N, C-alpha and C. Protein backbone atom coordinates (compact mmCIF):
# COMPACT_ATOMS: atom_id res chain seq x y z
N MET A 1 49.14 82.93 55.24
CA MET A 1 48.12 82.17 54.56
C MET A 1 48.85 81.09 53.85
N ALA A 2 48.45 80.07 54.21
CA ALA A 2 49.07 78.48 53.79
C ALA A 2 48.98 78.57 52.00
N ASN A 3 47.53 78.36 51.82
CA ASN A 3 47.11 78.05 50.53
C ASN A 3 45.87 78.70 50.16
N PRO A 4 45.68 80.02 49.95
CA PRO A 4 44.49 80.44 49.82
C PRO A 4 43.67 79.97 48.66
N PRO A 5 42.25 79.86 48.76
CA PRO A 5 41.39 79.22 47.61
C PRO A 5 41.43 79.98 46.24
N GLN A 6 41.68 79.46 45.14
CA GLN A 6 41.79 80.08 43.67
C GLN A 6 40.53 80.00 43.02
N THR A 7 39.96 79.12 43.43
CA THR A 7 38.58 78.63 42.74
C THR A 7 37.50 78.53 43.24
N THR A 8 36.26 78.49 42.82
CA THR A 8 34.82 78.47 43.67
C THR A 8 34.90 77.09 44.29
N GLU A 9 35.29 76.00 43.25
CA GLU A 9 35.37 74.50 43.86
C GLU A 9 36.17 74.32 45.12
N GLN A 10 37.34 75.01 45.18
CA GLN A 10 38.13 75.11 46.41
C GLN A 10 37.31 75.73 47.55
N LEU A 11 36.46 77.02 47.38
CA LEU A 11 35.73 77.45 48.47
C LEU A 11 34.70 76.33 48.81
N LEU A 12 34.03 75.78 47.89
CA LEU A 12 32.98 74.81 48.12
C LEU A 12 33.49 73.68 49.12
N ALA A 13 34.78 73.25 48.68
CA ALA A 13 35.30 72.29 49.62
C ALA A 13 35.50 72.72 50.86
N ARG A 14 35.95 73.80 51.18
CA ARG A 14 36.04 74.38 52.61
C ARG A 14 34.80 74.54 53.16
N HIS A 15 33.66 74.89 52.37
CA HIS A 15 32.35 75.07 53.05
C HIS A 15 31.74 73.75 53.36
N ALA A 16 32.15 72.72 52.90
CA ALA A 16 31.87 71.11 53.28
C ALA A 16 32.49 70.80 54.48
N THR A 17 33.61 71.30 54.59
CA THR A 17 34.35 71.16 55.93
C THR A 17 33.80 71.93 57.13
N TYR A 18 33.49 73.04 56.73
CA TYR A 18 32.65 74.06 57.69
C TYR A 18 31.31 73.48 58.16
N LEU A 19 30.44 73.03 57.32
CA LEU A 19 29.23 72.66 57.48
C LEU A 19 28.66 71.88 58.60
N PRO A 20 29.38 71.05 59.11
CA PRO A 20 29.20 70.05 60.36
C PRO A 20 29.14 70.91 61.60
N THR A 21 30.12 72.13 61.45
CA THR A 21 30.29 72.89 62.87
C THR A 21 29.45 74.07 62.75
N HIS A 22 28.63 74.27 61.71
CA HIS A 22 27.88 75.39 61.53
C HIS A 22 26.89 75.60 62.86
N LYS A 23 26.76 76.85 63.26
CA LYS A 23 25.95 76.98 64.38
C LYS A 23 25.01 78.22 64.01
N PRO A 24 23.48 78.09 64.08
CA PRO A 24 22.86 79.08 63.30
C PRO A 24 23.12 80.50 63.94
N ILE A 25 23.12 81.68 63.52
CA ILE A 25 23.08 83.04 64.14
C ILE A 25 21.86 83.44 64.41
N ALA A 26 21.67 84.24 65.57
CA ALA A 26 20.41 84.52 65.79
C ALA A 26 19.54 85.50 64.88
N HIS A 27 18.35 85.57 64.93
CA HIS A 27 17.68 86.36 63.99
C HIS A 27 17.68 87.74 64.49
N PHE A 28 17.23 88.70 63.54
CA PHE A 28 16.84 90.04 64.18
C PHE A 28 15.70 89.99 64.79
N PRO A 29 15.39 90.83 65.86
CA PRO A 29 14.25 91.12 66.49
C PRO A 29 13.06 91.54 65.24
N ALA A 30 11.89 91.17 65.58
CA ALA A 30 10.83 91.94 64.72
C ALA A 30 10.94 93.39 64.42
N ASP A 31 11.15 94.08 65.48
CA ASP A 31 11.38 95.54 65.41
C ASP A 31 12.89 95.95 65.11
N ILE A 32 13.41 95.63 63.95
CA ILE A 32 14.78 95.90 63.78
C ILE A 32 15.24 97.40 63.96
N SER A 33 14.30 98.29 63.81
CA SER A 33 14.45 99.69 64.01
C SER A 33 14.90 100.36 65.15
N ALA A 34 14.70 99.37 66.11
CA ALA A 34 15.00 99.82 67.71
C ALA A 34 16.32 99.39 67.92
N VAL A 35 17.15 98.54 67.00
CA VAL A 35 18.56 98.21 67.34
C VAL A 35 19.30 99.44 67.15
N LYS A 36 20.37 99.64 68.15
CA LYS A 36 21.33 100.75 67.82
C LYS A 36 22.54 99.76 67.48
N ARG A 37 23.20 100.40 66.42
CA ARG A 37 24.50 99.64 65.89
C ARG A 37 25.51 100.32 65.86
N MET A 38 26.76 99.84 65.95
CA MET A 38 28.07 100.51 65.40
C MET A 38 28.24 99.80 64.09
N LEU A 39 29.13 100.25 63.28
CA LEU A 39 29.35 99.95 61.86
C LEU A 39 30.81 100.15 61.67
N ILE A 40 31.65 99.34 61.34
CA ILE A 40 32.97 99.45 60.66
C ILE A 40 33.06 99.57 59.29
N ILE A 41 33.93 100.55 58.66
CA ILE A 41 34.23 100.56 57.22
C ILE A 41 35.52 100.14 57.25
N SER A 42 35.93 99.26 56.43
CA SER A 42 37.35 98.66 56.29
C SER A 42 37.67 98.41 54.90
N CYS A 43 38.98 98.06 54.96
CA CYS A 43 39.60 97.76 53.74
C CYS A 43 39.42 96.36 53.53
N ILE A 44 39.22 95.89 52.17
CA ILE A 44 38.99 94.58 51.76
C ILE A 44 40.24 93.75 51.89
N ASP A 45 41.41 94.40 52.22
CA ASP A 45 42.74 93.46 52.35
C ASP A 45 42.43 92.43 53.32
N PRO A 46 42.85 91.10 52.81
CA PRO A 46 42.52 90.00 53.78
C PRO A 46 43.11 89.78 54.86
N ARG A 47 44.25 90.66 55.22
CA ARG A 47 45.18 90.87 56.34
C ARG A 47 44.61 91.53 57.29
N VAL A 48 43.46 92.42 56.92
CA VAL A 48 42.68 93.27 57.86
C VAL A 48 41.37 92.75 58.33
N ILE A 49 41.48 92.40 59.32
CA ILE A 49 40.18 91.44 60.08
C ILE A 49 39.55 92.53 61.10
N PRO A 50 38.82 93.20 60.98
CA PRO A 50 38.22 94.13 61.95
C PRO A 50 37.59 93.24 63.12
N GLU A 51 37.10 92.11 62.81
CA GLU A 51 36.53 91.43 63.93
C GLU A 51 37.72 90.89 65.00
N GLN A 52 38.83 90.62 64.46
CA GLN A 52 40.02 90.16 65.14
C GLN A 52 40.63 91.37 65.72
N ILE A 53 41.02 92.38 64.99
CA ILE A 53 41.55 93.61 65.50
C ILE A 53 40.62 94.13 66.67
N PHE A 54 39.54 94.21 66.65
CA PHE A 54 38.66 94.59 67.71
C PHE A 54 38.21 93.74 68.74
N GLY A 55 38.63 92.55 68.64
CA GLY A 55 38.28 91.38 69.63
C GLY A 55 36.42 91.18 69.60
N LEU A 56 35.81 91.29 68.22
CA LEU A 56 34.57 91.02 68.22
C LEU A 56 34.09 89.58 68.13
N GLU A 57 32.91 89.47 68.25
CA GLU A 57 32.15 87.96 68.31
C GLU A 57 31.44 88.22 66.92
N VAL A 58 30.95 87.15 66.30
CA VAL A 58 30.18 86.96 65.33
C VAL A 58 28.84 87.77 65.52
N ASN A 59 28.32 88.46 64.70
CA ASN A 59 27.15 88.96 64.72
C ASN A 59 27.12 90.23 65.74
N GLU A 60 28.35 90.72 66.05
CA GLU A 60 28.34 91.80 67.14
C GLU A 60 28.28 93.39 66.31
N VAL A 61 29.05 93.34 65.25
CA VAL A 61 29.17 94.74 64.49
C VAL A 61 29.32 94.49 63.12
N PRO A 62 28.43 95.03 62.23
CA PRO A 62 28.47 94.99 60.82
C PRO A 62 29.70 95.59 60.32
N VAL A 63 30.55 95.14 59.37
CA VAL A 63 31.68 95.39 58.85
C VAL A 63 31.24 95.56 57.35
N LEU A 64 31.65 96.95 56.77
CA LEU A 64 31.45 97.03 55.32
C LEU A 64 32.96 97.20 54.88
N ARG A 65 33.40 96.24 53.77
CA ARG A 65 34.69 96.39 53.46
C ARG A 65 34.78 96.81 51.90
N ASN A 66 35.65 97.50 51.45
CA ASN A 66 35.83 97.78 50.03
C ASN A 66 37.38 98.08 50.05
N VAL A 67 37.72 98.62 48.69
CA VAL A 67 39.29 98.98 48.36
C VAL A 67 39.58 100.15 49.31
N GLY A 68 40.46 100.34 50.19
CA GLY A 68 40.79 101.17 50.90
C GLY A 68 40.17 101.56 52.03
N GLY A 69 38.78 100.93 52.22
CA GLY A 69 38.06 101.08 53.38
C GLY A 69 37.41 102.69 53.18
N ARG A 70 37.18 103.09 51.83
CA ARG A 70 37.11 104.47 51.82
C ARG A 70 35.56 104.58 52.01
N ALA A 71 34.99 106.03 52.50
CA ALA A 71 33.81 106.42 52.96
C ALA A 71 32.87 106.71 51.79
N ARG A 72 33.52 107.10 50.75
CA ARG A 72 32.80 107.79 49.48
C ARG A 72 31.97 106.24 48.86
N THR A 73 32.76 105.08 48.92
CA THR A 73 32.37 104.09 48.39
C THR A 73 31.15 103.20 49.33
N ALA A 74 31.42 103.47 50.54
CA ALA A 74 30.62 102.80 51.55
C ALA A 74 29.29 103.55 51.91
N VAL A 75 29.16 104.98 51.69
CA VAL A 75 28.27 105.83 52.10
C VAL A 75 26.87 105.38 51.74
N TRP A 76 26.43 104.88 50.77
CA TRP A 76 25.24 104.44 50.36
C TRP A 76 24.89 103.26 51.26
N ASP A 77 25.78 102.29 51.45
CA ASP A 77 25.51 101.18 52.47
C ASP A 77 25.22 101.66 53.74
N VAL A 78 25.88 102.71 54.12
CA VAL A 78 25.85 103.18 55.71
C VAL A 78 24.62 104.03 55.81
N ALA A 79 24.15 104.55 54.76
CA ALA A 79 22.85 105.25 54.94
C ALA A 79 21.64 104.32 54.58
N VAL A 80 21.65 103.32 53.89
CA VAL A 80 20.61 102.24 53.66
C VAL A 80 20.46 101.48 55.14
N LEU A 81 21.47 100.96 55.80
CA LEU A 81 21.68 100.44 56.73
C LEU A 81 20.93 101.48 58.08
N ASP A 82 21.20 102.43 58.09
CA ASP A 82 20.70 103.42 59.05
C ASP A 82 19.24 103.54 58.80
N THR A 83 18.66 103.30 57.81
CA THR A 83 17.23 103.40 57.62
C THR A 83 16.43 101.91 58.15
N LEU A 84 17.42 101.14 58.32
CA LEU A 84 16.80 99.50 58.82
C LEU A 84 17.09 99.49 60.29
N VAL A 85 18.34 100.04 60.87
CA VAL A 85 18.62 100.01 62.20
C VAL A 85 19.46 101.21 62.44
N ASP A 86 19.42 101.86 63.73
CA ASP A 86 20.00 102.97 64.32
C ASP A 86 21.40 102.93 64.15
N VAL A 87 22.10 103.39 63.14
CA VAL A 87 23.57 103.42 63.15
C VAL A 87 24.10 104.43 63.94
N ALA A 88 24.37 104.17 65.13
CA ALA A 88 24.74 105.27 66.26
C ALA A 88 26.15 105.70 65.87
N GLU A 89 27.13 104.70 65.49
CA GLU A 89 28.59 105.25 65.44
C GLU A 89 29.00 104.30 64.27
N VAL A 90 30.03 104.96 63.33
CA VAL A 90 30.72 104.54 62.35
C VAL A 90 32.22 104.74 62.65
N VAL A 91 32.80 103.52 62.47
CA VAL A 91 34.23 103.36 62.69
C VAL A 91 34.97 103.28 61.37
N VAL A 92 35.77 104.52 60.89
CA VAL A 92 36.49 104.07 59.68
C VAL A 92 37.88 103.64 59.93
N LEU A 93 38.24 102.52 59.19
CA LEU A 93 39.52 101.80 59.64
C LEU A 93 40.42 101.69 58.64
N HIS A 94 41.26 102.31 58.39
CA HIS A 94 42.47 102.32 57.33
C HIS A 94 43.67 101.64 57.84
N HIS A 95 44.64 101.27 57.11
CA HIS A 95 45.84 100.46 57.63
C HIS A 95 47.12 100.72 56.79
N THR A 96 48.12 100.52 57.47
CA THR A 96 49.62 100.67 56.88
C THR A 96 49.76 99.57 55.76
N ASN A 97 50.79 99.80 54.77
CA ASN A 97 50.81 98.68 53.65
C ASN A 97 49.79 98.48 52.87
N CYS A 98 48.83 99.51 52.69
CA CYS A 98 47.67 99.30 51.85
C CYS A 98 47.95 99.43 50.50
N GLY A 99 47.25 98.43 49.65
CA GLY A 99 47.54 98.68 48.27
C GLY A 99 46.78 99.82 47.51
N ALA A 100 46.13 100.42 48.24
CA ALA A 100 45.39 101.53 47.72
C ALA A 100 46.72 102.78 47.43
N THR A 101 47.57 102.63 48.45
CA THR A 101 48.66 103.68 48.52
C THR A 101 49.70 103.37 47.21
N LEU A 102 49.46 102.39 46.39
CA LEU A 102 50.63 101.86 45.69
C LEU A 102 50.06 102.41 44.14
N ASN A 103 48.91 103.12 44.05
CA ASN A 103 48.20 103.18 42.89
C ASN A 103 48.00 104.82 42.81
N THR A 104 47.24 105.15 41.90
CA THR A 104 46.47 106.60 41.81
C THR A 104 45.10 106.54 41.12
N ASP A 105 44.33 107.50 41.63
CA ASP A 105 42.99 107.72 41.21
C ASP A 105 43.02 107.61 39.79
N ALA A 106 44.08 108.45 38.98
CA ALA A 106 44.08 108.69 37.37
C ALA A 106 44.29 107.20 36.82
N HIS A 107 45.19 106.42 37.50
CA HIS A 107 45.34 105.00 36.92
C HIS A 107 44.02 104.13 36.95
N ILE A 108 43.28 104.38 37.99
CA ILE A 108 42.21 103.61 38.06
C ILE A 108 41.10 104.06 37.07
N ALA A 109 40.96 105.40 37.13
CA ALA A 109 40.11 105.99 36.11
C ALA A 109 40.42 105.55 34.66
N SER A 110 41.65 105.54 34.32
CA SER A 110 42.35 105.26 33.04
C SER A 110 41.93 103.87 32.67
N THR A 111 42.09 103.08 33.65
CA THR A 111 42.06 101.43 33.31
C THR A 111 40.66 101.28 33.19
N LEU A 112 39.75 101.91 34.09
CA LEU A 112 38.22 101.38 33.97
C LEU A 112 37.54 102.42 32.95
N GLY A 113 38.22 103.46 32.41
CA GLY A 113 37.45 104.06 31.40
C GLY A 113 37.85 103.30 30.09
N ALA A 114 38.93 102.62 30.18
CA ALA A 114 39.08 101.91 28.86
C ALA A 114 38.27 100.73 28.59
N ARG A 115 37.63 100.26 29.68
CA ARG A 115 36.67 99.38 29.76
C ARG A 115 35.43 99.77 29.26
N SER A 116 34.92 100.85 29.84
CA SER A 116 33.74 101.59 29.71
C SER A 116 33.67 102.99 30.13
N GLU A 117 33.91 104.10 29.06
CA GLU A 117 33.82 105.50 29.64
C GLU A 117 32.29 105.52 30.06
N ARG A 118 31.42 105.07 29.55
CA ARG A 118 29.93 105.41 29.87
C ARG A 118 29.78 105.00 31.41
N GLU A 119 30.28 103.71 31.82
CA GLU A 119 29.98 103.22 33.08
C GLU A 119 30.83 103.91 34.16
N LEU A 120 32.07 104.34 33.84
CA LEU A 120 32.90 105.14 34.43
C LEU A 120 32.23 106.49 34.96
N ALA A 121 31.74 106.92 34.04
CA ALA A 121 31.02 108.32 34.14
C ALA A 121 29.96 108.20 35.41
N LYS A 122 29.51 107.06 36.00
CA LYS A 122 28.55 106.94 36.94
C LYS A 122 29.08 106.80 38.47
N TYR A 123 30.70 106.87 38.40
CA TYR A 123 31.34 106.65 39.61
C TYR A 123 32.17 107.80 40.23
N ASP A 124 32.31 107.89 41.19
CA ASP A 124 33.50 108.90 41.73
C ASP A 124 34.57 108.15 41.94
N VAL A 125 35.49 108.40 41.14
CA VAL A 125 37.03 107.75 41.37
C VAL A 125 37.88 108.51 42.30
N GLU A 126 37.59 109.99 42.43
CA GLU A 126 38.35 110.56 43.33
C GLU A 126 38.71 110.13 44.84
N GLY A 127 39.84 110.03 45.21
CA GLY A 127 39.73 109.81 46.80
C GLY A 127 39.94 108.10 46.99
N ILE A 128 39.95 107.39 46.01
CA ILE A 128 40.18 105.92 46.32
C ILE A 128 41.47 105.63 46.50
N CYS A 129 42.48 106.07 46.08
CA CYS A 129 43.73 106.04 46.24
C CYS A 129 44.30 107.13 47.04
N PHE A 130 45.22 106.88 48.01
CA PHE A 130 45.63 108.00 49.03
C PHE A 130 47.33 108.18 49.20
N ALA A 131 47.89 107.74 48.33
CA ALA A 131 49.51 107.63 48.28
C ALA A 131 49.98 109.20 48.44
N ALA A 132 49.37 110.02 47.93
CA ALA A 132 49.96 111.49 48.11
C ALA A 132 49.82 112.05 49.62
N ASP A 133 48.82 111.99 50.17
CA ASP A 133 48.49 112.47 51.56
C ASP A 133 48.84 111.65 52.67
N GLY A 134 48.77 110.30 52.71
CA GLY A 134 49.13 109.45 53.65
C GLY A 134 47.98 108.87 54.08
N ILE A 135 47.88 107.72 54.92
CA ILE A 135 46.90 106.90 55.44
C ILE A 135 45.97 107.79 56.43
N ALA A 136 46.86 108.58 57.50
CA ALA A 136 46.22 109.20 58.51
C ALA A 136 45.35 110.38 57.95
N ALA A 137 46.00 110.92 56.97
CA ALA A 137 45.02 112.00 56.02
C ALA A 137 43.75 111.43 55.45
N SER A 138 43.96 110.16 55.07
CA SER A 138 42.85 109.43 54.36
C SER A 138 41.63 109.22 55.21
N VAL A 139 42.02 108.85 56.60
CA VAL A 139 41.09 108.66 57.43
C VAL A 139 40.31 109.96 57.81
N ARG A 140 41.34 111.00 58.22
CA ARG A 140 40.59 112.38 58.43
C ARG A 140 39.66 112.65 57.28
N ASP A 141 39.94 112.60 55.90
CA ASP A 141 38.93 112.89 54.74
C ASP A 141 37.84 112.07 54.84
N ASP A 142 38.02 110.83 55.21
CA ASP A 142 36.68 110.16 55.28
C ASP A 142 35.78 110.32 56.37
N VAL A 143 36.37 110.43 57.60
CA VAL A 143 35.41 111.12 58.78
C VAL A 143 34.89 112.34 58.49
N ALA A 144 35.56 113.11 57.86
CA ALA A 144 35.03 114.53 57.40
C ALA A 144 33.80 114.37 56.34
N PHE A 145 34.28 113.46 55.34
CA PHE A 145 33.18 113.31 54.52
C PHE A 145 32.02 112.53 55.27
N LEU A 146 31.94 111.83 55.93
CA LEU A 146 30.70 111.00 56.57
C LEU A 146 29.78 112.36 57.65
N ARG A 147 30.75 112.95 58.12
CA ARG A 147 30.15 113.95 58.96
C ARG A 147 29.46 115.06 58.37
N GLN A 148 29.70 115.25 57.25
CA GLN A 148 29.03 116.44 56.47
C GLN A 148 28.27 115.74 55.23
N HIS A 149 28.15 114.51 55.23
CA HIS A 149 27.05 113.91 54.12
C HIS A 149 25.64 113.94 54.45
N PRO A 150 24.92 114.38 53.55
CA PRO A 150 23.40 114.50 53.98
C PRO A 150 22.79 113.38 54.49
N PHE A 151 23.20 112.11 54.02
CA PHE A 151 22.47 110.75 54.25
C PHE A 151 22.95 110.34 55.59
N VAL A 152 23.76 110.87 56.47
CA VAL A 152 24.52 110.37 57.50
C VAL A 152 23.80 111.57 58.60
N ARG A 153 23.15 110.93 59.48
CA ARG A 153 22.32 111.98 60.53
C ARG A 153 23.57 112.59 61.36
N LYS A 154 23.30 113.76 61.75
CA LYS A 154 24.23 114.61 62.51
C LYS A 154 24.65 113.99 63.79
N GLU A 155 23.81 113.42 64.50
CA GLU A 155 24.01 112.89 65.86
C GLU A 155 24.91 111.29 65.68
N THR A 156 24.93 111.14 64.45
CA THR A 156 26.05 109.73 64.21
C THR A 156 27.23 110.14 64.65
N ARG A 157 27.90 109.26 65.29
CA ARG A 157 29.27 109.53 65.77
C ARG A 157 30.25 108.89 64.72
N VAL A 158 31.15 109.63 64.38
CA VAL A 158 32.16 108.89 63.10
C VAL A 158 33.40 109.21 63.74
N VAL A 159 34.23 107.91 63.85
CA VAL A 159 35.57 108.00 64.48
C VAL A 159 36.55 107.40 63.60
N GLY A 160 37.94 107.71 63.29
CA GLY A 160 38.72 106.94 62.56
C GLY A 160 39.95 106.46 63.37
N PHE A 161 40.56 105.46 62.67
CA PHE A 161 41.70 104.68 63.12
C PHE A 161 42.71 104.31 61.86
N VAL A 162 44.01 104.22 62.34
CA VAL A 162 44.78 103.63 61.51
C VAL A 162 45.30 102.32 62.16
N TYR A 163 45.33 101.45 61.35
CA TYR A 163 45.79 99.99 61.97
C TYR A 163 46.89 99.69 61.61
N ASP A 164 48.06 99.43 62.31
CA ASP A 164 49.41 99.03 61.64
C ASP A 164 49.55 97.47 61.55
N ILE A 165 49.62 97.23 60.31
CA ILE A 165 49.85 95.94 59.99
C ILE A 165 51.01 95.27 60.74
N TRP A 166 51.98 95.77 60.90
CA TRP A 166 53.39 95.14 61.28
C TRP A 166 53.22 94.94 63.07
N THR A 167 52.60 95.89 63.84
CA THR A 167 52.53 95.93 65.03
C THR A 167 51.26 95.47 65.62
N GLY A 168 50.23 95.56 64.75
CA GLY A 168 48.82 95.39 65.24
C GLY A 168 48.15 96.41 66.04
N GLY A 169 48.87 97.68 66.32
CA GLY A 169 48.38 98.66 66.88
C GLY A 169 47.67 99.54 66.28
N LEU A 170 46.81 100.54 67.06
CA LEU A 170 45.67 101.28 66.51
C LEU A 170 46.14 102.73 66.88
N GLU A 171 46.09 103.70 65.96
CA GLU A 171 46.21 105.08 66.20
C GLU A 171 44.97 105.93 65.87
N ARG A 172 44.49 106.53 66.87
CA ARG A 172 42.90 107.31 66.63
C ARG A 172 43.55 108.40 65.87
N VAL A 173 42.54 108.64 64.72
CA VAL A 173 42.92 110.00 63.75
C VAL A 173 41.48 110.73 64.21
N ASP A 174 41.49 112.07 64.43
CA ASP A 174 40.63 112.70 64.64
C ASP A 174 40.33 113.67 63.25
N GLY A 175 39.02 113.57 63.06
CA GLY A 175 38.55 114.16 61.61
C GLY A 175 38.60 115.80 62.10
C-alpha cells in the first residue's frame, strides 16, 4: 500500500478519479427471493480481499467483513440477507497474522466498558479474539456456530477456510 487515505477528503479525491470509469452494476431481478447466493464472511483487514482470493468479479458474491471475520458478529446480516435471497452457502474466511490474535476479549470488554457499560451489555464480546485457540479453531467455532444457529436454515451449507497472508494459500477447515 503506497499511501492509504487518512481523511474523507482524500477518499473523495479518489472517487473523483474513479467516477469517469464507473460502469453501472446490474439491478436485482424483480423477484430477488428466487436468487440463490453464496455469502462470504471475512475479516475487515485490508490485506484480505476475498474477491481477489477467490477470483471473483464485481457483483458475484456478497462479502460481510468485520473484525476477525467472526460469525457471531455477522449472523444477523446472514439471517436478514437470507430473508431477501436464498443464501445457499456461507463461507467463513479467517487469516494468518490477524490482529484479532493479538488481543483478548477481556481487553475489548474492558476498553468498551469504560466508554459505556450500559451499551456494552447489549453485545456479546466472547469469541471476538482467538489468540488462545488459534485460527483454525476459530474457523471451526464459527462454522459450528452458524450450523446450529436458529436463524440459519439447516440446509444452508457452511464451510470454512484459513487464508495464509504470506503464501496466498487456503486451508479448508471442517467444522
